[in-house]
Amino acid sequence: MKLIDYKKRKKTYVIAEIGQAHDGNLGFLHSMIDSMKNSGVDAIKFQMHIANAESSKEEPFRVNFSYVDKTRYEYWKRMEIDFENWIKIKKKCENYGIEFLVTPFSITAINILEKLNVEKYKVGSGDLMNPLMIEKLSSLNKEVILSTGLGQINELDNAINILKNNKSDFGILQCTTEYPSKPQNIGLKWIDYFNKRYSCPVGLSDHSGEIYPSIAAVALGASIIEAHLTFDKRMFGPDAKASLSIDQFKEMVKSIRFTEKALNMKKKILTKEKEQLRMMFGRALSVNKDLKKGHIIAFDDLEVKKPANAGINVAKYKNILGKVLRKPKSKWDFLNFDDFE
């Protein structure tokens, strides 16, 4: 799906982020792809880690979760996937009609992804302040989606200026680098701010582990949604608690598609069926007491009853005020124009 499609709001671009949830196990990774078949997602996103190019033994753990890796560098090394397997992963996604999307974490990773002929790139929020990577991506004439979790507005401005200078299409994701994100830190109001400031597709990269923020984001104008995926929130890994289970993810997509339709504004056209309902639920004028012949109709004499076509329509009540009855009326009788002199 092209970025231009987001602008027209034909369909929210939904990304299932596998990221590091496979823990370096290719069988597990393929099972996760299988779980998203027929789910309605538009893309499955992966992370391409090349330890020597992106890290060093001095890099600390964000969360020291690993039982097998002594350093963050060792973890990235274990998460590496060779080129032949990337080809198979990409092919599997495409066979399911799902776009293969990757976040590169080094220039070397970008060069590898170019050999895979990817259509667009996702930039992690940690690289928003990495002009070398933004320059590299902008030179490729590919679409770029930027996450904003760790970035400042001036850094986002700089990244967007680089992309604009190279005429690259881009989108922005409101993101909170907190796993899982607390509700008060999700920042849904940034969606409207980014829409107005940058006039580009804007969305939410959510780490709450719940489906609600993404549904609310679509209602607020988001056109891209990204959330992490896991088989079970109790699994090993740094993102499991901040991820959606398979069933949650499918329910979120279903809810987003429902919300998209609910946002569709149609003209208030009266169909034959609606006209019938208007008659059924509408009101006609009646009297709330017994009235004698010659009585002058006052406001306090009137009641309104269903259906609308049983008497004078309530909208015409002023037309009969002050008119004289030419015959008596019993309490709760409908009024018609031939009741008056």
Protein backbone atom coordinates (compact mmCIF):
# COMPACT_ATOMS: atom_id res chain seq x y z
CA MET A 1 0.00 0.00 0.00
CA LYS A 2 1.40 3.37 -1.02
CA LEU A 3 1.60 6.30 1.36
CA ILE A 4 -0.68 8.27 -0.93
CA ASP A 5 -3.43 5.79 -0.03
CA TYR A 6 -3.18 6.78 3.61
CA LYS A 7 -3.82 10.40 2.71
CA LYS A 8 -7.04 9.46 0.95
CA ARG A 9 -7.99 7.41 4.05
CA LYS A 10 -9.24 4.51 1.97
CA LYS A 11 -7.79 2.06 4.46
CA THR A 12 -5.69 2.17 7.60
CA TYR A 13 -2.27 0.62 7.02
CA VAL A 14 -1.95 -1.97 9.82
CA ILE A 15 1.51 -3.31 10.70
CA ALA A 16 2.08 -6.44 12.80
CA GLU A 17 5.49 -6.01 14.42
CA ILE A 18 7.23 -9.34 14.99
CA GLY A 19 10.46 -7.54 15.77
CA GLN A 20 12.49 -9.68 18.16
CA ALA A 21 9.60 -11.88 19.34
CA HIS A 22 11.01 -14.89 17.44
CA ASP A 23 14.12 -14.81 19.70
CA GLY A 24 16.31 -15.96 16.82
CA ASN A 25 14.26 -19.11 16.15
CA LEU A 26 13.33 -19.29 12.45
CA GLY A 27 10.66 -21.93 12.96
CA PHE A 28 9.02 -19.72 15.52
CA LEU A 29 9.30 -16.72 13.19
CA HIS A 30 7.55 -18.57 10.36
CA SER A 31 4.82 -19.69 12.76
CA MET A 32 4.19 -16.06 13.64
CA ILE A 33 3.85 -15.17 9.96
CA ASP A 34 1.40 -18.08 9.56
CA SER A 35 -0.64 -16.74 12.47
CA MET A 36 -1.30 -13.51 10.56
CA LYS A 37 -2.57 -15.21 7.42
CA ASN A 38 -6.11 -13.95 6.70
CA SER A 39 -5.86 -11.59 9.68
CA GLY A 40 -6.38 -8.46 7.58
CA VAL A 41 -2.99 -6.92 8.39
CA ASP A 42 -1.29 -5.00 5.59
CA ALA A 43 2.32 -5.60 6.61
CA ILE A 44 4.44 -7.71 8.92
CA LYS A 45 7.45 -5.87 10.22
CA PHE A 46 10.77 -7.36 11.16
CA GLN A 47 14.01 -5.92 12.51
CA MET A 48 17.31 -6.45 10.74
CA HIS A 49 20.14 -6.63 13.24
CA ILE A 50 23.78 -6.96 12.23
CA ALA A 51 25.71 -6.87 15.48
CA ASN A 52 29.07 -5.69 14.16
CA ALA A 53 27.48 -2.83 12.19
CA GLU A 54 25.08 -1.52 14.83
CA SER A 55 26.49 -2.41 18.23
CA SER A 56 29.52 -2.99 20.39
CA LYS A 57 30.31 -4.90 23.56
CA GLU A 58 29.92 -1.63 25.47
CA GLU A 59 26.20 -1.35 24.62
CA PRO A 60 24.11 -1.89 27.79
CA PHE A 61 20.85 -3.85 27.96
CA ARG A 62 17.68 -1.76 27.95
CA VAL A 63 16.19 -4.52 30.08
CA ASN A 64 18.53 -7.27 31.21
CA PHE A 65 16.09 -10.06 30.35
CA SER A 66 18.39 -12.63 28.73
CA TYR A 67 19.43 -15.90 30.33
CA VAL A 68 21.84 -16.75 27.51
CA ASP A 69 23.40 -13.45 26.37
CA LYS A 70 26.03 -11.81 28.53
CA THR A 71 25.90 -8.54 26.57
CA ARG A 72 23.49 -6.69 24.32
CA TYR A 73 25.95 -7.24 21.48
CA GLU A 74 25.70 -11.01 21.97
CA TYR A 75 21.92 -10.73 21.87
CA TRP A 76 21.99 -8.85 18.55
CA LYS A 77 24.42 -11.45 17.22
CA ARG A 78 21.97 -14.20 18.11
CA MET A 79 19.15 -12.28 16.42
CA GLU A 80 20.92 -12.11 13.05
CA ILE A 81 19.25 -13.84 10.07
CA ASP A 82 21.21 -14.74 6.95
CA PHE A 83 20.31 -13.43 3.51
CA GLU A 84 18.89 -16.70 2.17
CA ASN A 85 16.45 -16.89 5.05
CA TRP A 86 15.42 -13.26 4.57
CA ILE A 87 14.50 -14.19 0.98
CA LYS A 88 12.28 -17.01 2.28
CA ILE A 89 10.67 -14.77 4.91
CA LYS A 90 9.88 -12.08 2.35
CA LYS A 91 8.46 -14.62 -0.10
CA LYS A 92 6.24 -16.15 2.58
CA CYS A 93 4.77 -12.77 3.50
CA GLU A 94 4.09 -11.94 -0.13
CA ASN A 95 2.48 -15.34 -0.74
CA TYR A 96 -0.02 -14.40 1.98
CA GLY A 97 -0.66 -11.02 0.37
CA ILE A 98 1.12 -9.23 3.23
CA GLU A 99 3.83 -6.62 2.72
CA PHE A 100 7.30 -7.43 4.02
CA LEU A 101 8.45 -4.42 6.06
CA VAL A 102 11.72 -4.08 7.94
CA THR A 103 13.40 -1.67 10.33
CA PRO A 104 17.12 -1.54 9.55
CA PHE A 105 19.45 -0.71 12.43
CA SER A 106 22.53 0.05 10.33
CA ILE A 107 23.57 1.30 6.92
CA THR A 108 24.80 -2.23 6.23
CA ALA A 109 21.29 -3.53 6.90
CA ILE A 110 19.86 -1.00 4.43
CA ASN A 111 22.25 -2.23 1.74
CA ILE A 112 21.08 -5.80 2.32
CA LEU A 113 17.42 -4.78 2.23
CA GLU A 114 17.96 -3.03 -1.09
CA LYS A 115 19.03 -6.40 -2.51
CA LEU A 116 15.67 -7.72 -1.31
CA ASN A 117 13.85 -4.95 -3.24
CA VAL A 118 11.77 -3.69 -0.33
CA GLU A 119 9.18 -1.00 -1.12
CA LYS A 120 9.43 1.05 2.05
CA TYR A 121 11.37 1.38 5.29
CA LYS A 122 10.45 1.85 8.91
CA VAL A 123 12.85 3.90 11.04
CA GLY A 124 12.98 3.11 14.75
CA SER A 125 12.71 6.08 17.09
CA GLY A 126 16.32 5.57 18.23
CA ASP A 127 17.47 6.51 14.72
CA LEU A 128 15.32 9.59 14.34
CA MET A 129 18.38 11.55 15.45
CA ASN A 130 20.61 9.64 13.02
CA PRO A 131 20.97 11.93 9.97
CA LEU A 132 23.35 9.51 8.25
CA MET A 133 20.68 6.82 8.12
CA ILE A 134 17.96 9.30 7.12
CA GLU A 135 20.16 10.62 4.32
CA LYS A 136 20.84 7.09 3.12
CA LEU A 137 17.14 6.20 3.09
CA SER A 138 16.11 9.45 1.42
CA SER A 139 18.55 8.77 -1.43
CA LEU A 140 16.74 5.53 -2.31
CA ASN A 141 13.46 7.13 -3.42
CA LYS A 142 11.56 4.76 -1.14
CA GLU A 143 8.75 5.50 1.31
CA VAL A 144 9.86 5.98 4.90
CA ILE A 145 7.84 5.68 8.12
CA LEU A 146 9.36 7.44 11.13
CA SER A 147 8.73 6.52 14.77
CA THR A 148 9.01 9.42 17.21
CA GLY A 149 9.35 7.74 20.63
CA LEU A 150 12.86 8.91 21.49
CA GLY A 151 13.00 11.95 19.26
CA GLN A 152 12.51 15.64 19.89
CA ILE A 153 10.49 17.92 17.60
CA ASN A 154 13.61 19.60 16.22
CA GLU A 155 15.07 16.17 15.37
CA LEU A 156 11.84 15.18 13.66
CA ASP A 157 11.91 18.47 11.74
CA ASN A 158 15.48 17.76 10.61
CA ALA A 159 14.66 14.22 9.50
CA ILE A 160 11.61 15.39 7.55
CA ASN A 161 13.56 18.19 5.89
CA ILE A 162 16.09 15.62 4.67
CA LEU A 163 13.30 13.45 3.25
CA LYS A 164 11.54 16.42 1.66
CA ASN A 165 14.76 17.64 0.05
CA ASN A 166 15.06 14.27 -1.67
CA LYS A 167 11.33 14.16 -2.49
CA SER A 168 10.76 11.02 -0.41
CA ASP A 169 7.25 10.14 0.72
CA PHE A 170 7.04 9.73 4.48
CA GLY A 171 4.72 9.04 7.37
CA ILE A 172 5.04 9.66 11.11
CA LEU A 173 4.09 7.43 14.03
CA GLN A 174 3.38 8.74 17.50
CA CYS A 175 5.28 6.35 19.73
CA THR A 176 6.04 6.01 23.43
CA THR A 177 9.23 4.13 24.26
CA GLU A 178 7.80 2.41 27.31
CA TYR A 179 7.11 -1.32 27.46
CA PRO A 180 4.24 -1.59 28.20
CA SER A 181 3.09 2.01 27.83
CA LYS A 182 0.84 3.42 30.52
CA PRO A 183 -2.44 4.90 29.19
CA GLN A 184 -1.51 8.42 30.26
CA ASN A 185 1.76 8.20 28.30
CA ILE A 186 0.41 7.00 24.94
CA GLY A 187 -0.13 10.54 23.64
CA LEU A 188 -3.02 10.17 21.21
CA LYS A 189 -3.37 13.95 20.89
CA TRP A 190 -0.01 14.05 19.09
CA ILE A 191 -1.74 12.50 16.08
CA ASP A 192 -3.68 15.69 15.37
CA TYR A 193 -0.60 17.81 16.12
CA PHE A 194 1.58 15.88 13.64
CA ASN A 195 -1.20 15.95 11.03
CA LYS A 196 -1.38 19.74 11.21
CA ARG A 197 2.37 20.37 11.53
CA TYR A 198 3.59 18.09 8.74
CA SER A 199 0.56 17.43 6.47
CA CYS A 200 1.53 13.81 6.00
CA PRO A 201 0.18 10.36 6.91
CA VAL A 202 0.26 10.01 10.71
CA GLY A 203 -0.33 7.01 12.91
CA LEU A 204 0.40 5.23 16.16
CA SER A 205 3.09 2.74 17.07
CA ASP A 206 1.60 1.30 20.23
CA HIS A 207 3.36 -0.52 23.06
CA SER A 208 0.49 -0.73 25.52
CA GLY A 209 -0.33 -4.40 24.98
CA GLU A 210 -4.00 -3.44 24.53
CA ILE A 211 -6.16 -2.94 21.42
CA TYR A 212 -7.90 0.23 22.62
CA PRO A 213 -5.27 2.89 21.74
CA SER A 214 -5.10 1.83 18.09
CA ILE A 215 -8.88 1.88 17.65
CA ALA A 216 -9.06 5.31 19.29
CA ALA A 217 -6.17 6.52 17.12
CA VAL A 218 -8.04 5.60 13.92
CA ALA A 219 -11.09 7.49 15.18
CA LEU A 220 -8.80 10.49 15.77
CA GLY A 221 -7.41 10.45 12.23
CA ALA A 222 -4.56 7.92 12.32
CA SER A 223 -3.94 6.24 8.98
CA ILE A 224 -1.11 3.90 10.08
CA ILE A 225 -1.21 1.52 13.04
CA GLU A 226 1.67 -0.58 14.32
CA ALA A 227 1.61 -2.95 17.28
CA HIS A 228 3.86 -5.75 18.49
CA LEU A 229 2.80 -9.36 18.12
CA THR A 230 3.38 -12.32 20.44
CA PHE A 231 1.94 -15.79 20.93
CA ASP A 232 1.68 -15.20 24.67
CA LYS A 233 2.48 -12.21 26.89
CA ARG A 234 4.28 -14.55 29.31
CA MET A 235 6.90 -15.48 26.73
CA PHE A 236 10.60 -14.75 26.88
CA GLY A 237 11.82 -11.46 25.43
CA PRO A 238 11.90 -7.70 26.03
CA ASP A 239 8.62 -6.84 24.26
CA ALA A 240 6.22 -9.67 25.19
CA LYS A 241 4.26 -7.76 27.84
CA ALA A 242 3.89 -4.78 25.51
CA SER A 243 2.61 -6.93 22.63
CA LEU A 244 -0.77 -8.17 21.46
CA SER A 245 -1.60 -11.85 21.38
CA ILE A 246 -2.67 -13.38 18.07
CA ASP A 247 -6.34 -13.21 19.02
CA GLN A 248 -5.98 -9.63 20.28
CA PHE A 249 -4.32 -8.58 17.04
CA LYS A 250 -7.08 -10.07 14.92
CA GLU A 251 -9.71 -8.40 17.08
CA MET A 252 -7.88 -5.07 16.77
CA VAL A 253 -7.83 -5.31 12.96
CA LYS A 254 -11.54 -6.21 12.93
CA SER A 255 -12.27 -3.23 15.18
CA ILE A 256 -10.21 -0.87 13.01
CA ARG A 257 -12.03 -1.95 9.85
CA PHE A 258 -15.35 -1.44 11.65
CA THR A 259 -14.23 2.02 12.79
CA GLU A 260 -13.18 2.97 9.26
CA LYS A 261 -16.69 2.26 8.01
CA ALA A 262 -18.20 4.10 10.97
CA LEU A 263 -16.18 7.21 10.05
CA ASN A 264 -17.68 7.27 6.56
CA MET A 265 -19.93 10.34 6.32
CA LYS A 266 -22.91 9.92 4.05
CA LYS A 267 -25.54 12.46 3.00
CA LYS A 268 -28.73 12.44 5.03
CA ILE A 269 -30.84 10.99 2.22
CA LEU A 270 -34.38 9.86 2.98
CA THR A 271 -34.80 6.38 1.55
CA LYS A 272 -38.18 4.72 1.26
CA GLU A 273 -37.37 2.66 4.35
CA LYS A 274 -36.35 5.73 6.36
CA GLU A 275 -39.51 7.57 5.30
CA GLN A 276 -41.57 4.68 6.63
CA LEU A 277 -39.68 4.83 9.91
CA ARG A 278 -40.22 8.59 10.09
CA MET A 279 -43.95 7.99 9.83
CA MET A 280 -43.79 5.22 12.42
CA PHE A 281 -41.76 7.15 15.01
CA GLY A 282 -42.96 10.64 14.11
CA ARG A 283 -45.84 12.42 15.88
CA ALA A 284 -49.21 13.84 14.93
CA LEU A 285 -51.30 16.36 16.89
CA SER A 286 -54.01 15.19 19.29
CA VAL A 287 -55.93 16.73 22.17
CA ASN A 288 -55.23 16.04 25.83
CA LYS A 289 -58.78 16.65 27.10
CA ASP A 290 -62.38 16.54 25.95
CA LEU A 291 -63.14 19.66 23.89
CA LYS A 292 -66.54 21.06 22.87
CA LYS A 293 -67.62 22.38 19.52
CA GLY A 294 -66.59 26.05 19.23
CA HIS A 295 -63.51 25.61 21.46
CA ILE A 296 -60.55 27.79 20.46
CA ILE A 297 -57.40 25.64 20.30
CA ALA A 298 -54.59 26.69 22.67
CA PHE A 299 -51.10 25.31 23.16
CA ASP A 300 -52.10 23.64 26.44
CA ASP A 301 -54.80 21.62 24.65
CA LEU A 302 -52.30 19.70 22.55
CA GLU A 303 -50.57 16.33 22.83
CA VAL A 304 -48.50 14.48 20.24
CA LYS A 305 -48.96 10.82 19.37
CA LYS A 306 -47.60 8.24 16.97
CA PRO A 307 -47.79 7.65 14.02
CA ALA A 308 -47.07 10.87 12.20
CA ASN A 309 -49.60 10.31 9.43
CA ALA A 310 -52.60 9.76 11.74
CA GLY A 311 -53.33 13.46 11.99
CA ILE A 312 -51.82 16.92 11.51
CA ASN A 313 -48.03 16.70 11.63
CA VAL A 314 -46.61 18.14 14.86
CA ALA A 315 -44.42 20.53 12.86
CA LYS A 316 -47.61 22.39 11.85
CA TYR A 317 -48.94 22.98 15.37
CA LYS A 318 -48.72 26.80 15.03
CA ASN A 319 -51.10 26.64 12.08
CA ILE A 320 -53.99 25.52 14.30
CA LEU A 321 -53.42 27.69 17.38
CA GLY A 322 -56.43 30.02 17.76
CA LYS A 323 -58.58 28.02 15.33
CA VAL A 324 -62.18 27.10 16.29
CA LEU A 325 -63.37 23.49 16.46
CA ARG A 326 -66.41 22.86 14.31
CA LYS A 327 -67.14 19.60 16.14
CA PRO A 328 -66.35 18.18 19.58
CA LYS A 329 -63.19 16.13 20.17
CA SER A 330 -62.66 13.44 22.80
CA LYS A 331 -59.51 13.19 24.91
CA TRP A 332 -56.58 11.68 22.88
CA ASP A 333 -58.35 12.13 19.51
CA PHE A 334 -56.08 13.04 16.61
CA LEU A 335 -56.62 16.43 15.00
CA ASN A 336 -57.15 16.95 11.27
CA PHE A 337 -57.59 20.20 9.36
CA ASP A 338 -61.26 19.43 8.62
CA ASP A 339 -61.92 19.56 12.38
CA PHE A 340 -61.80 23.39 12.23
CA GLU A 341 -64.14 26.09 10.96
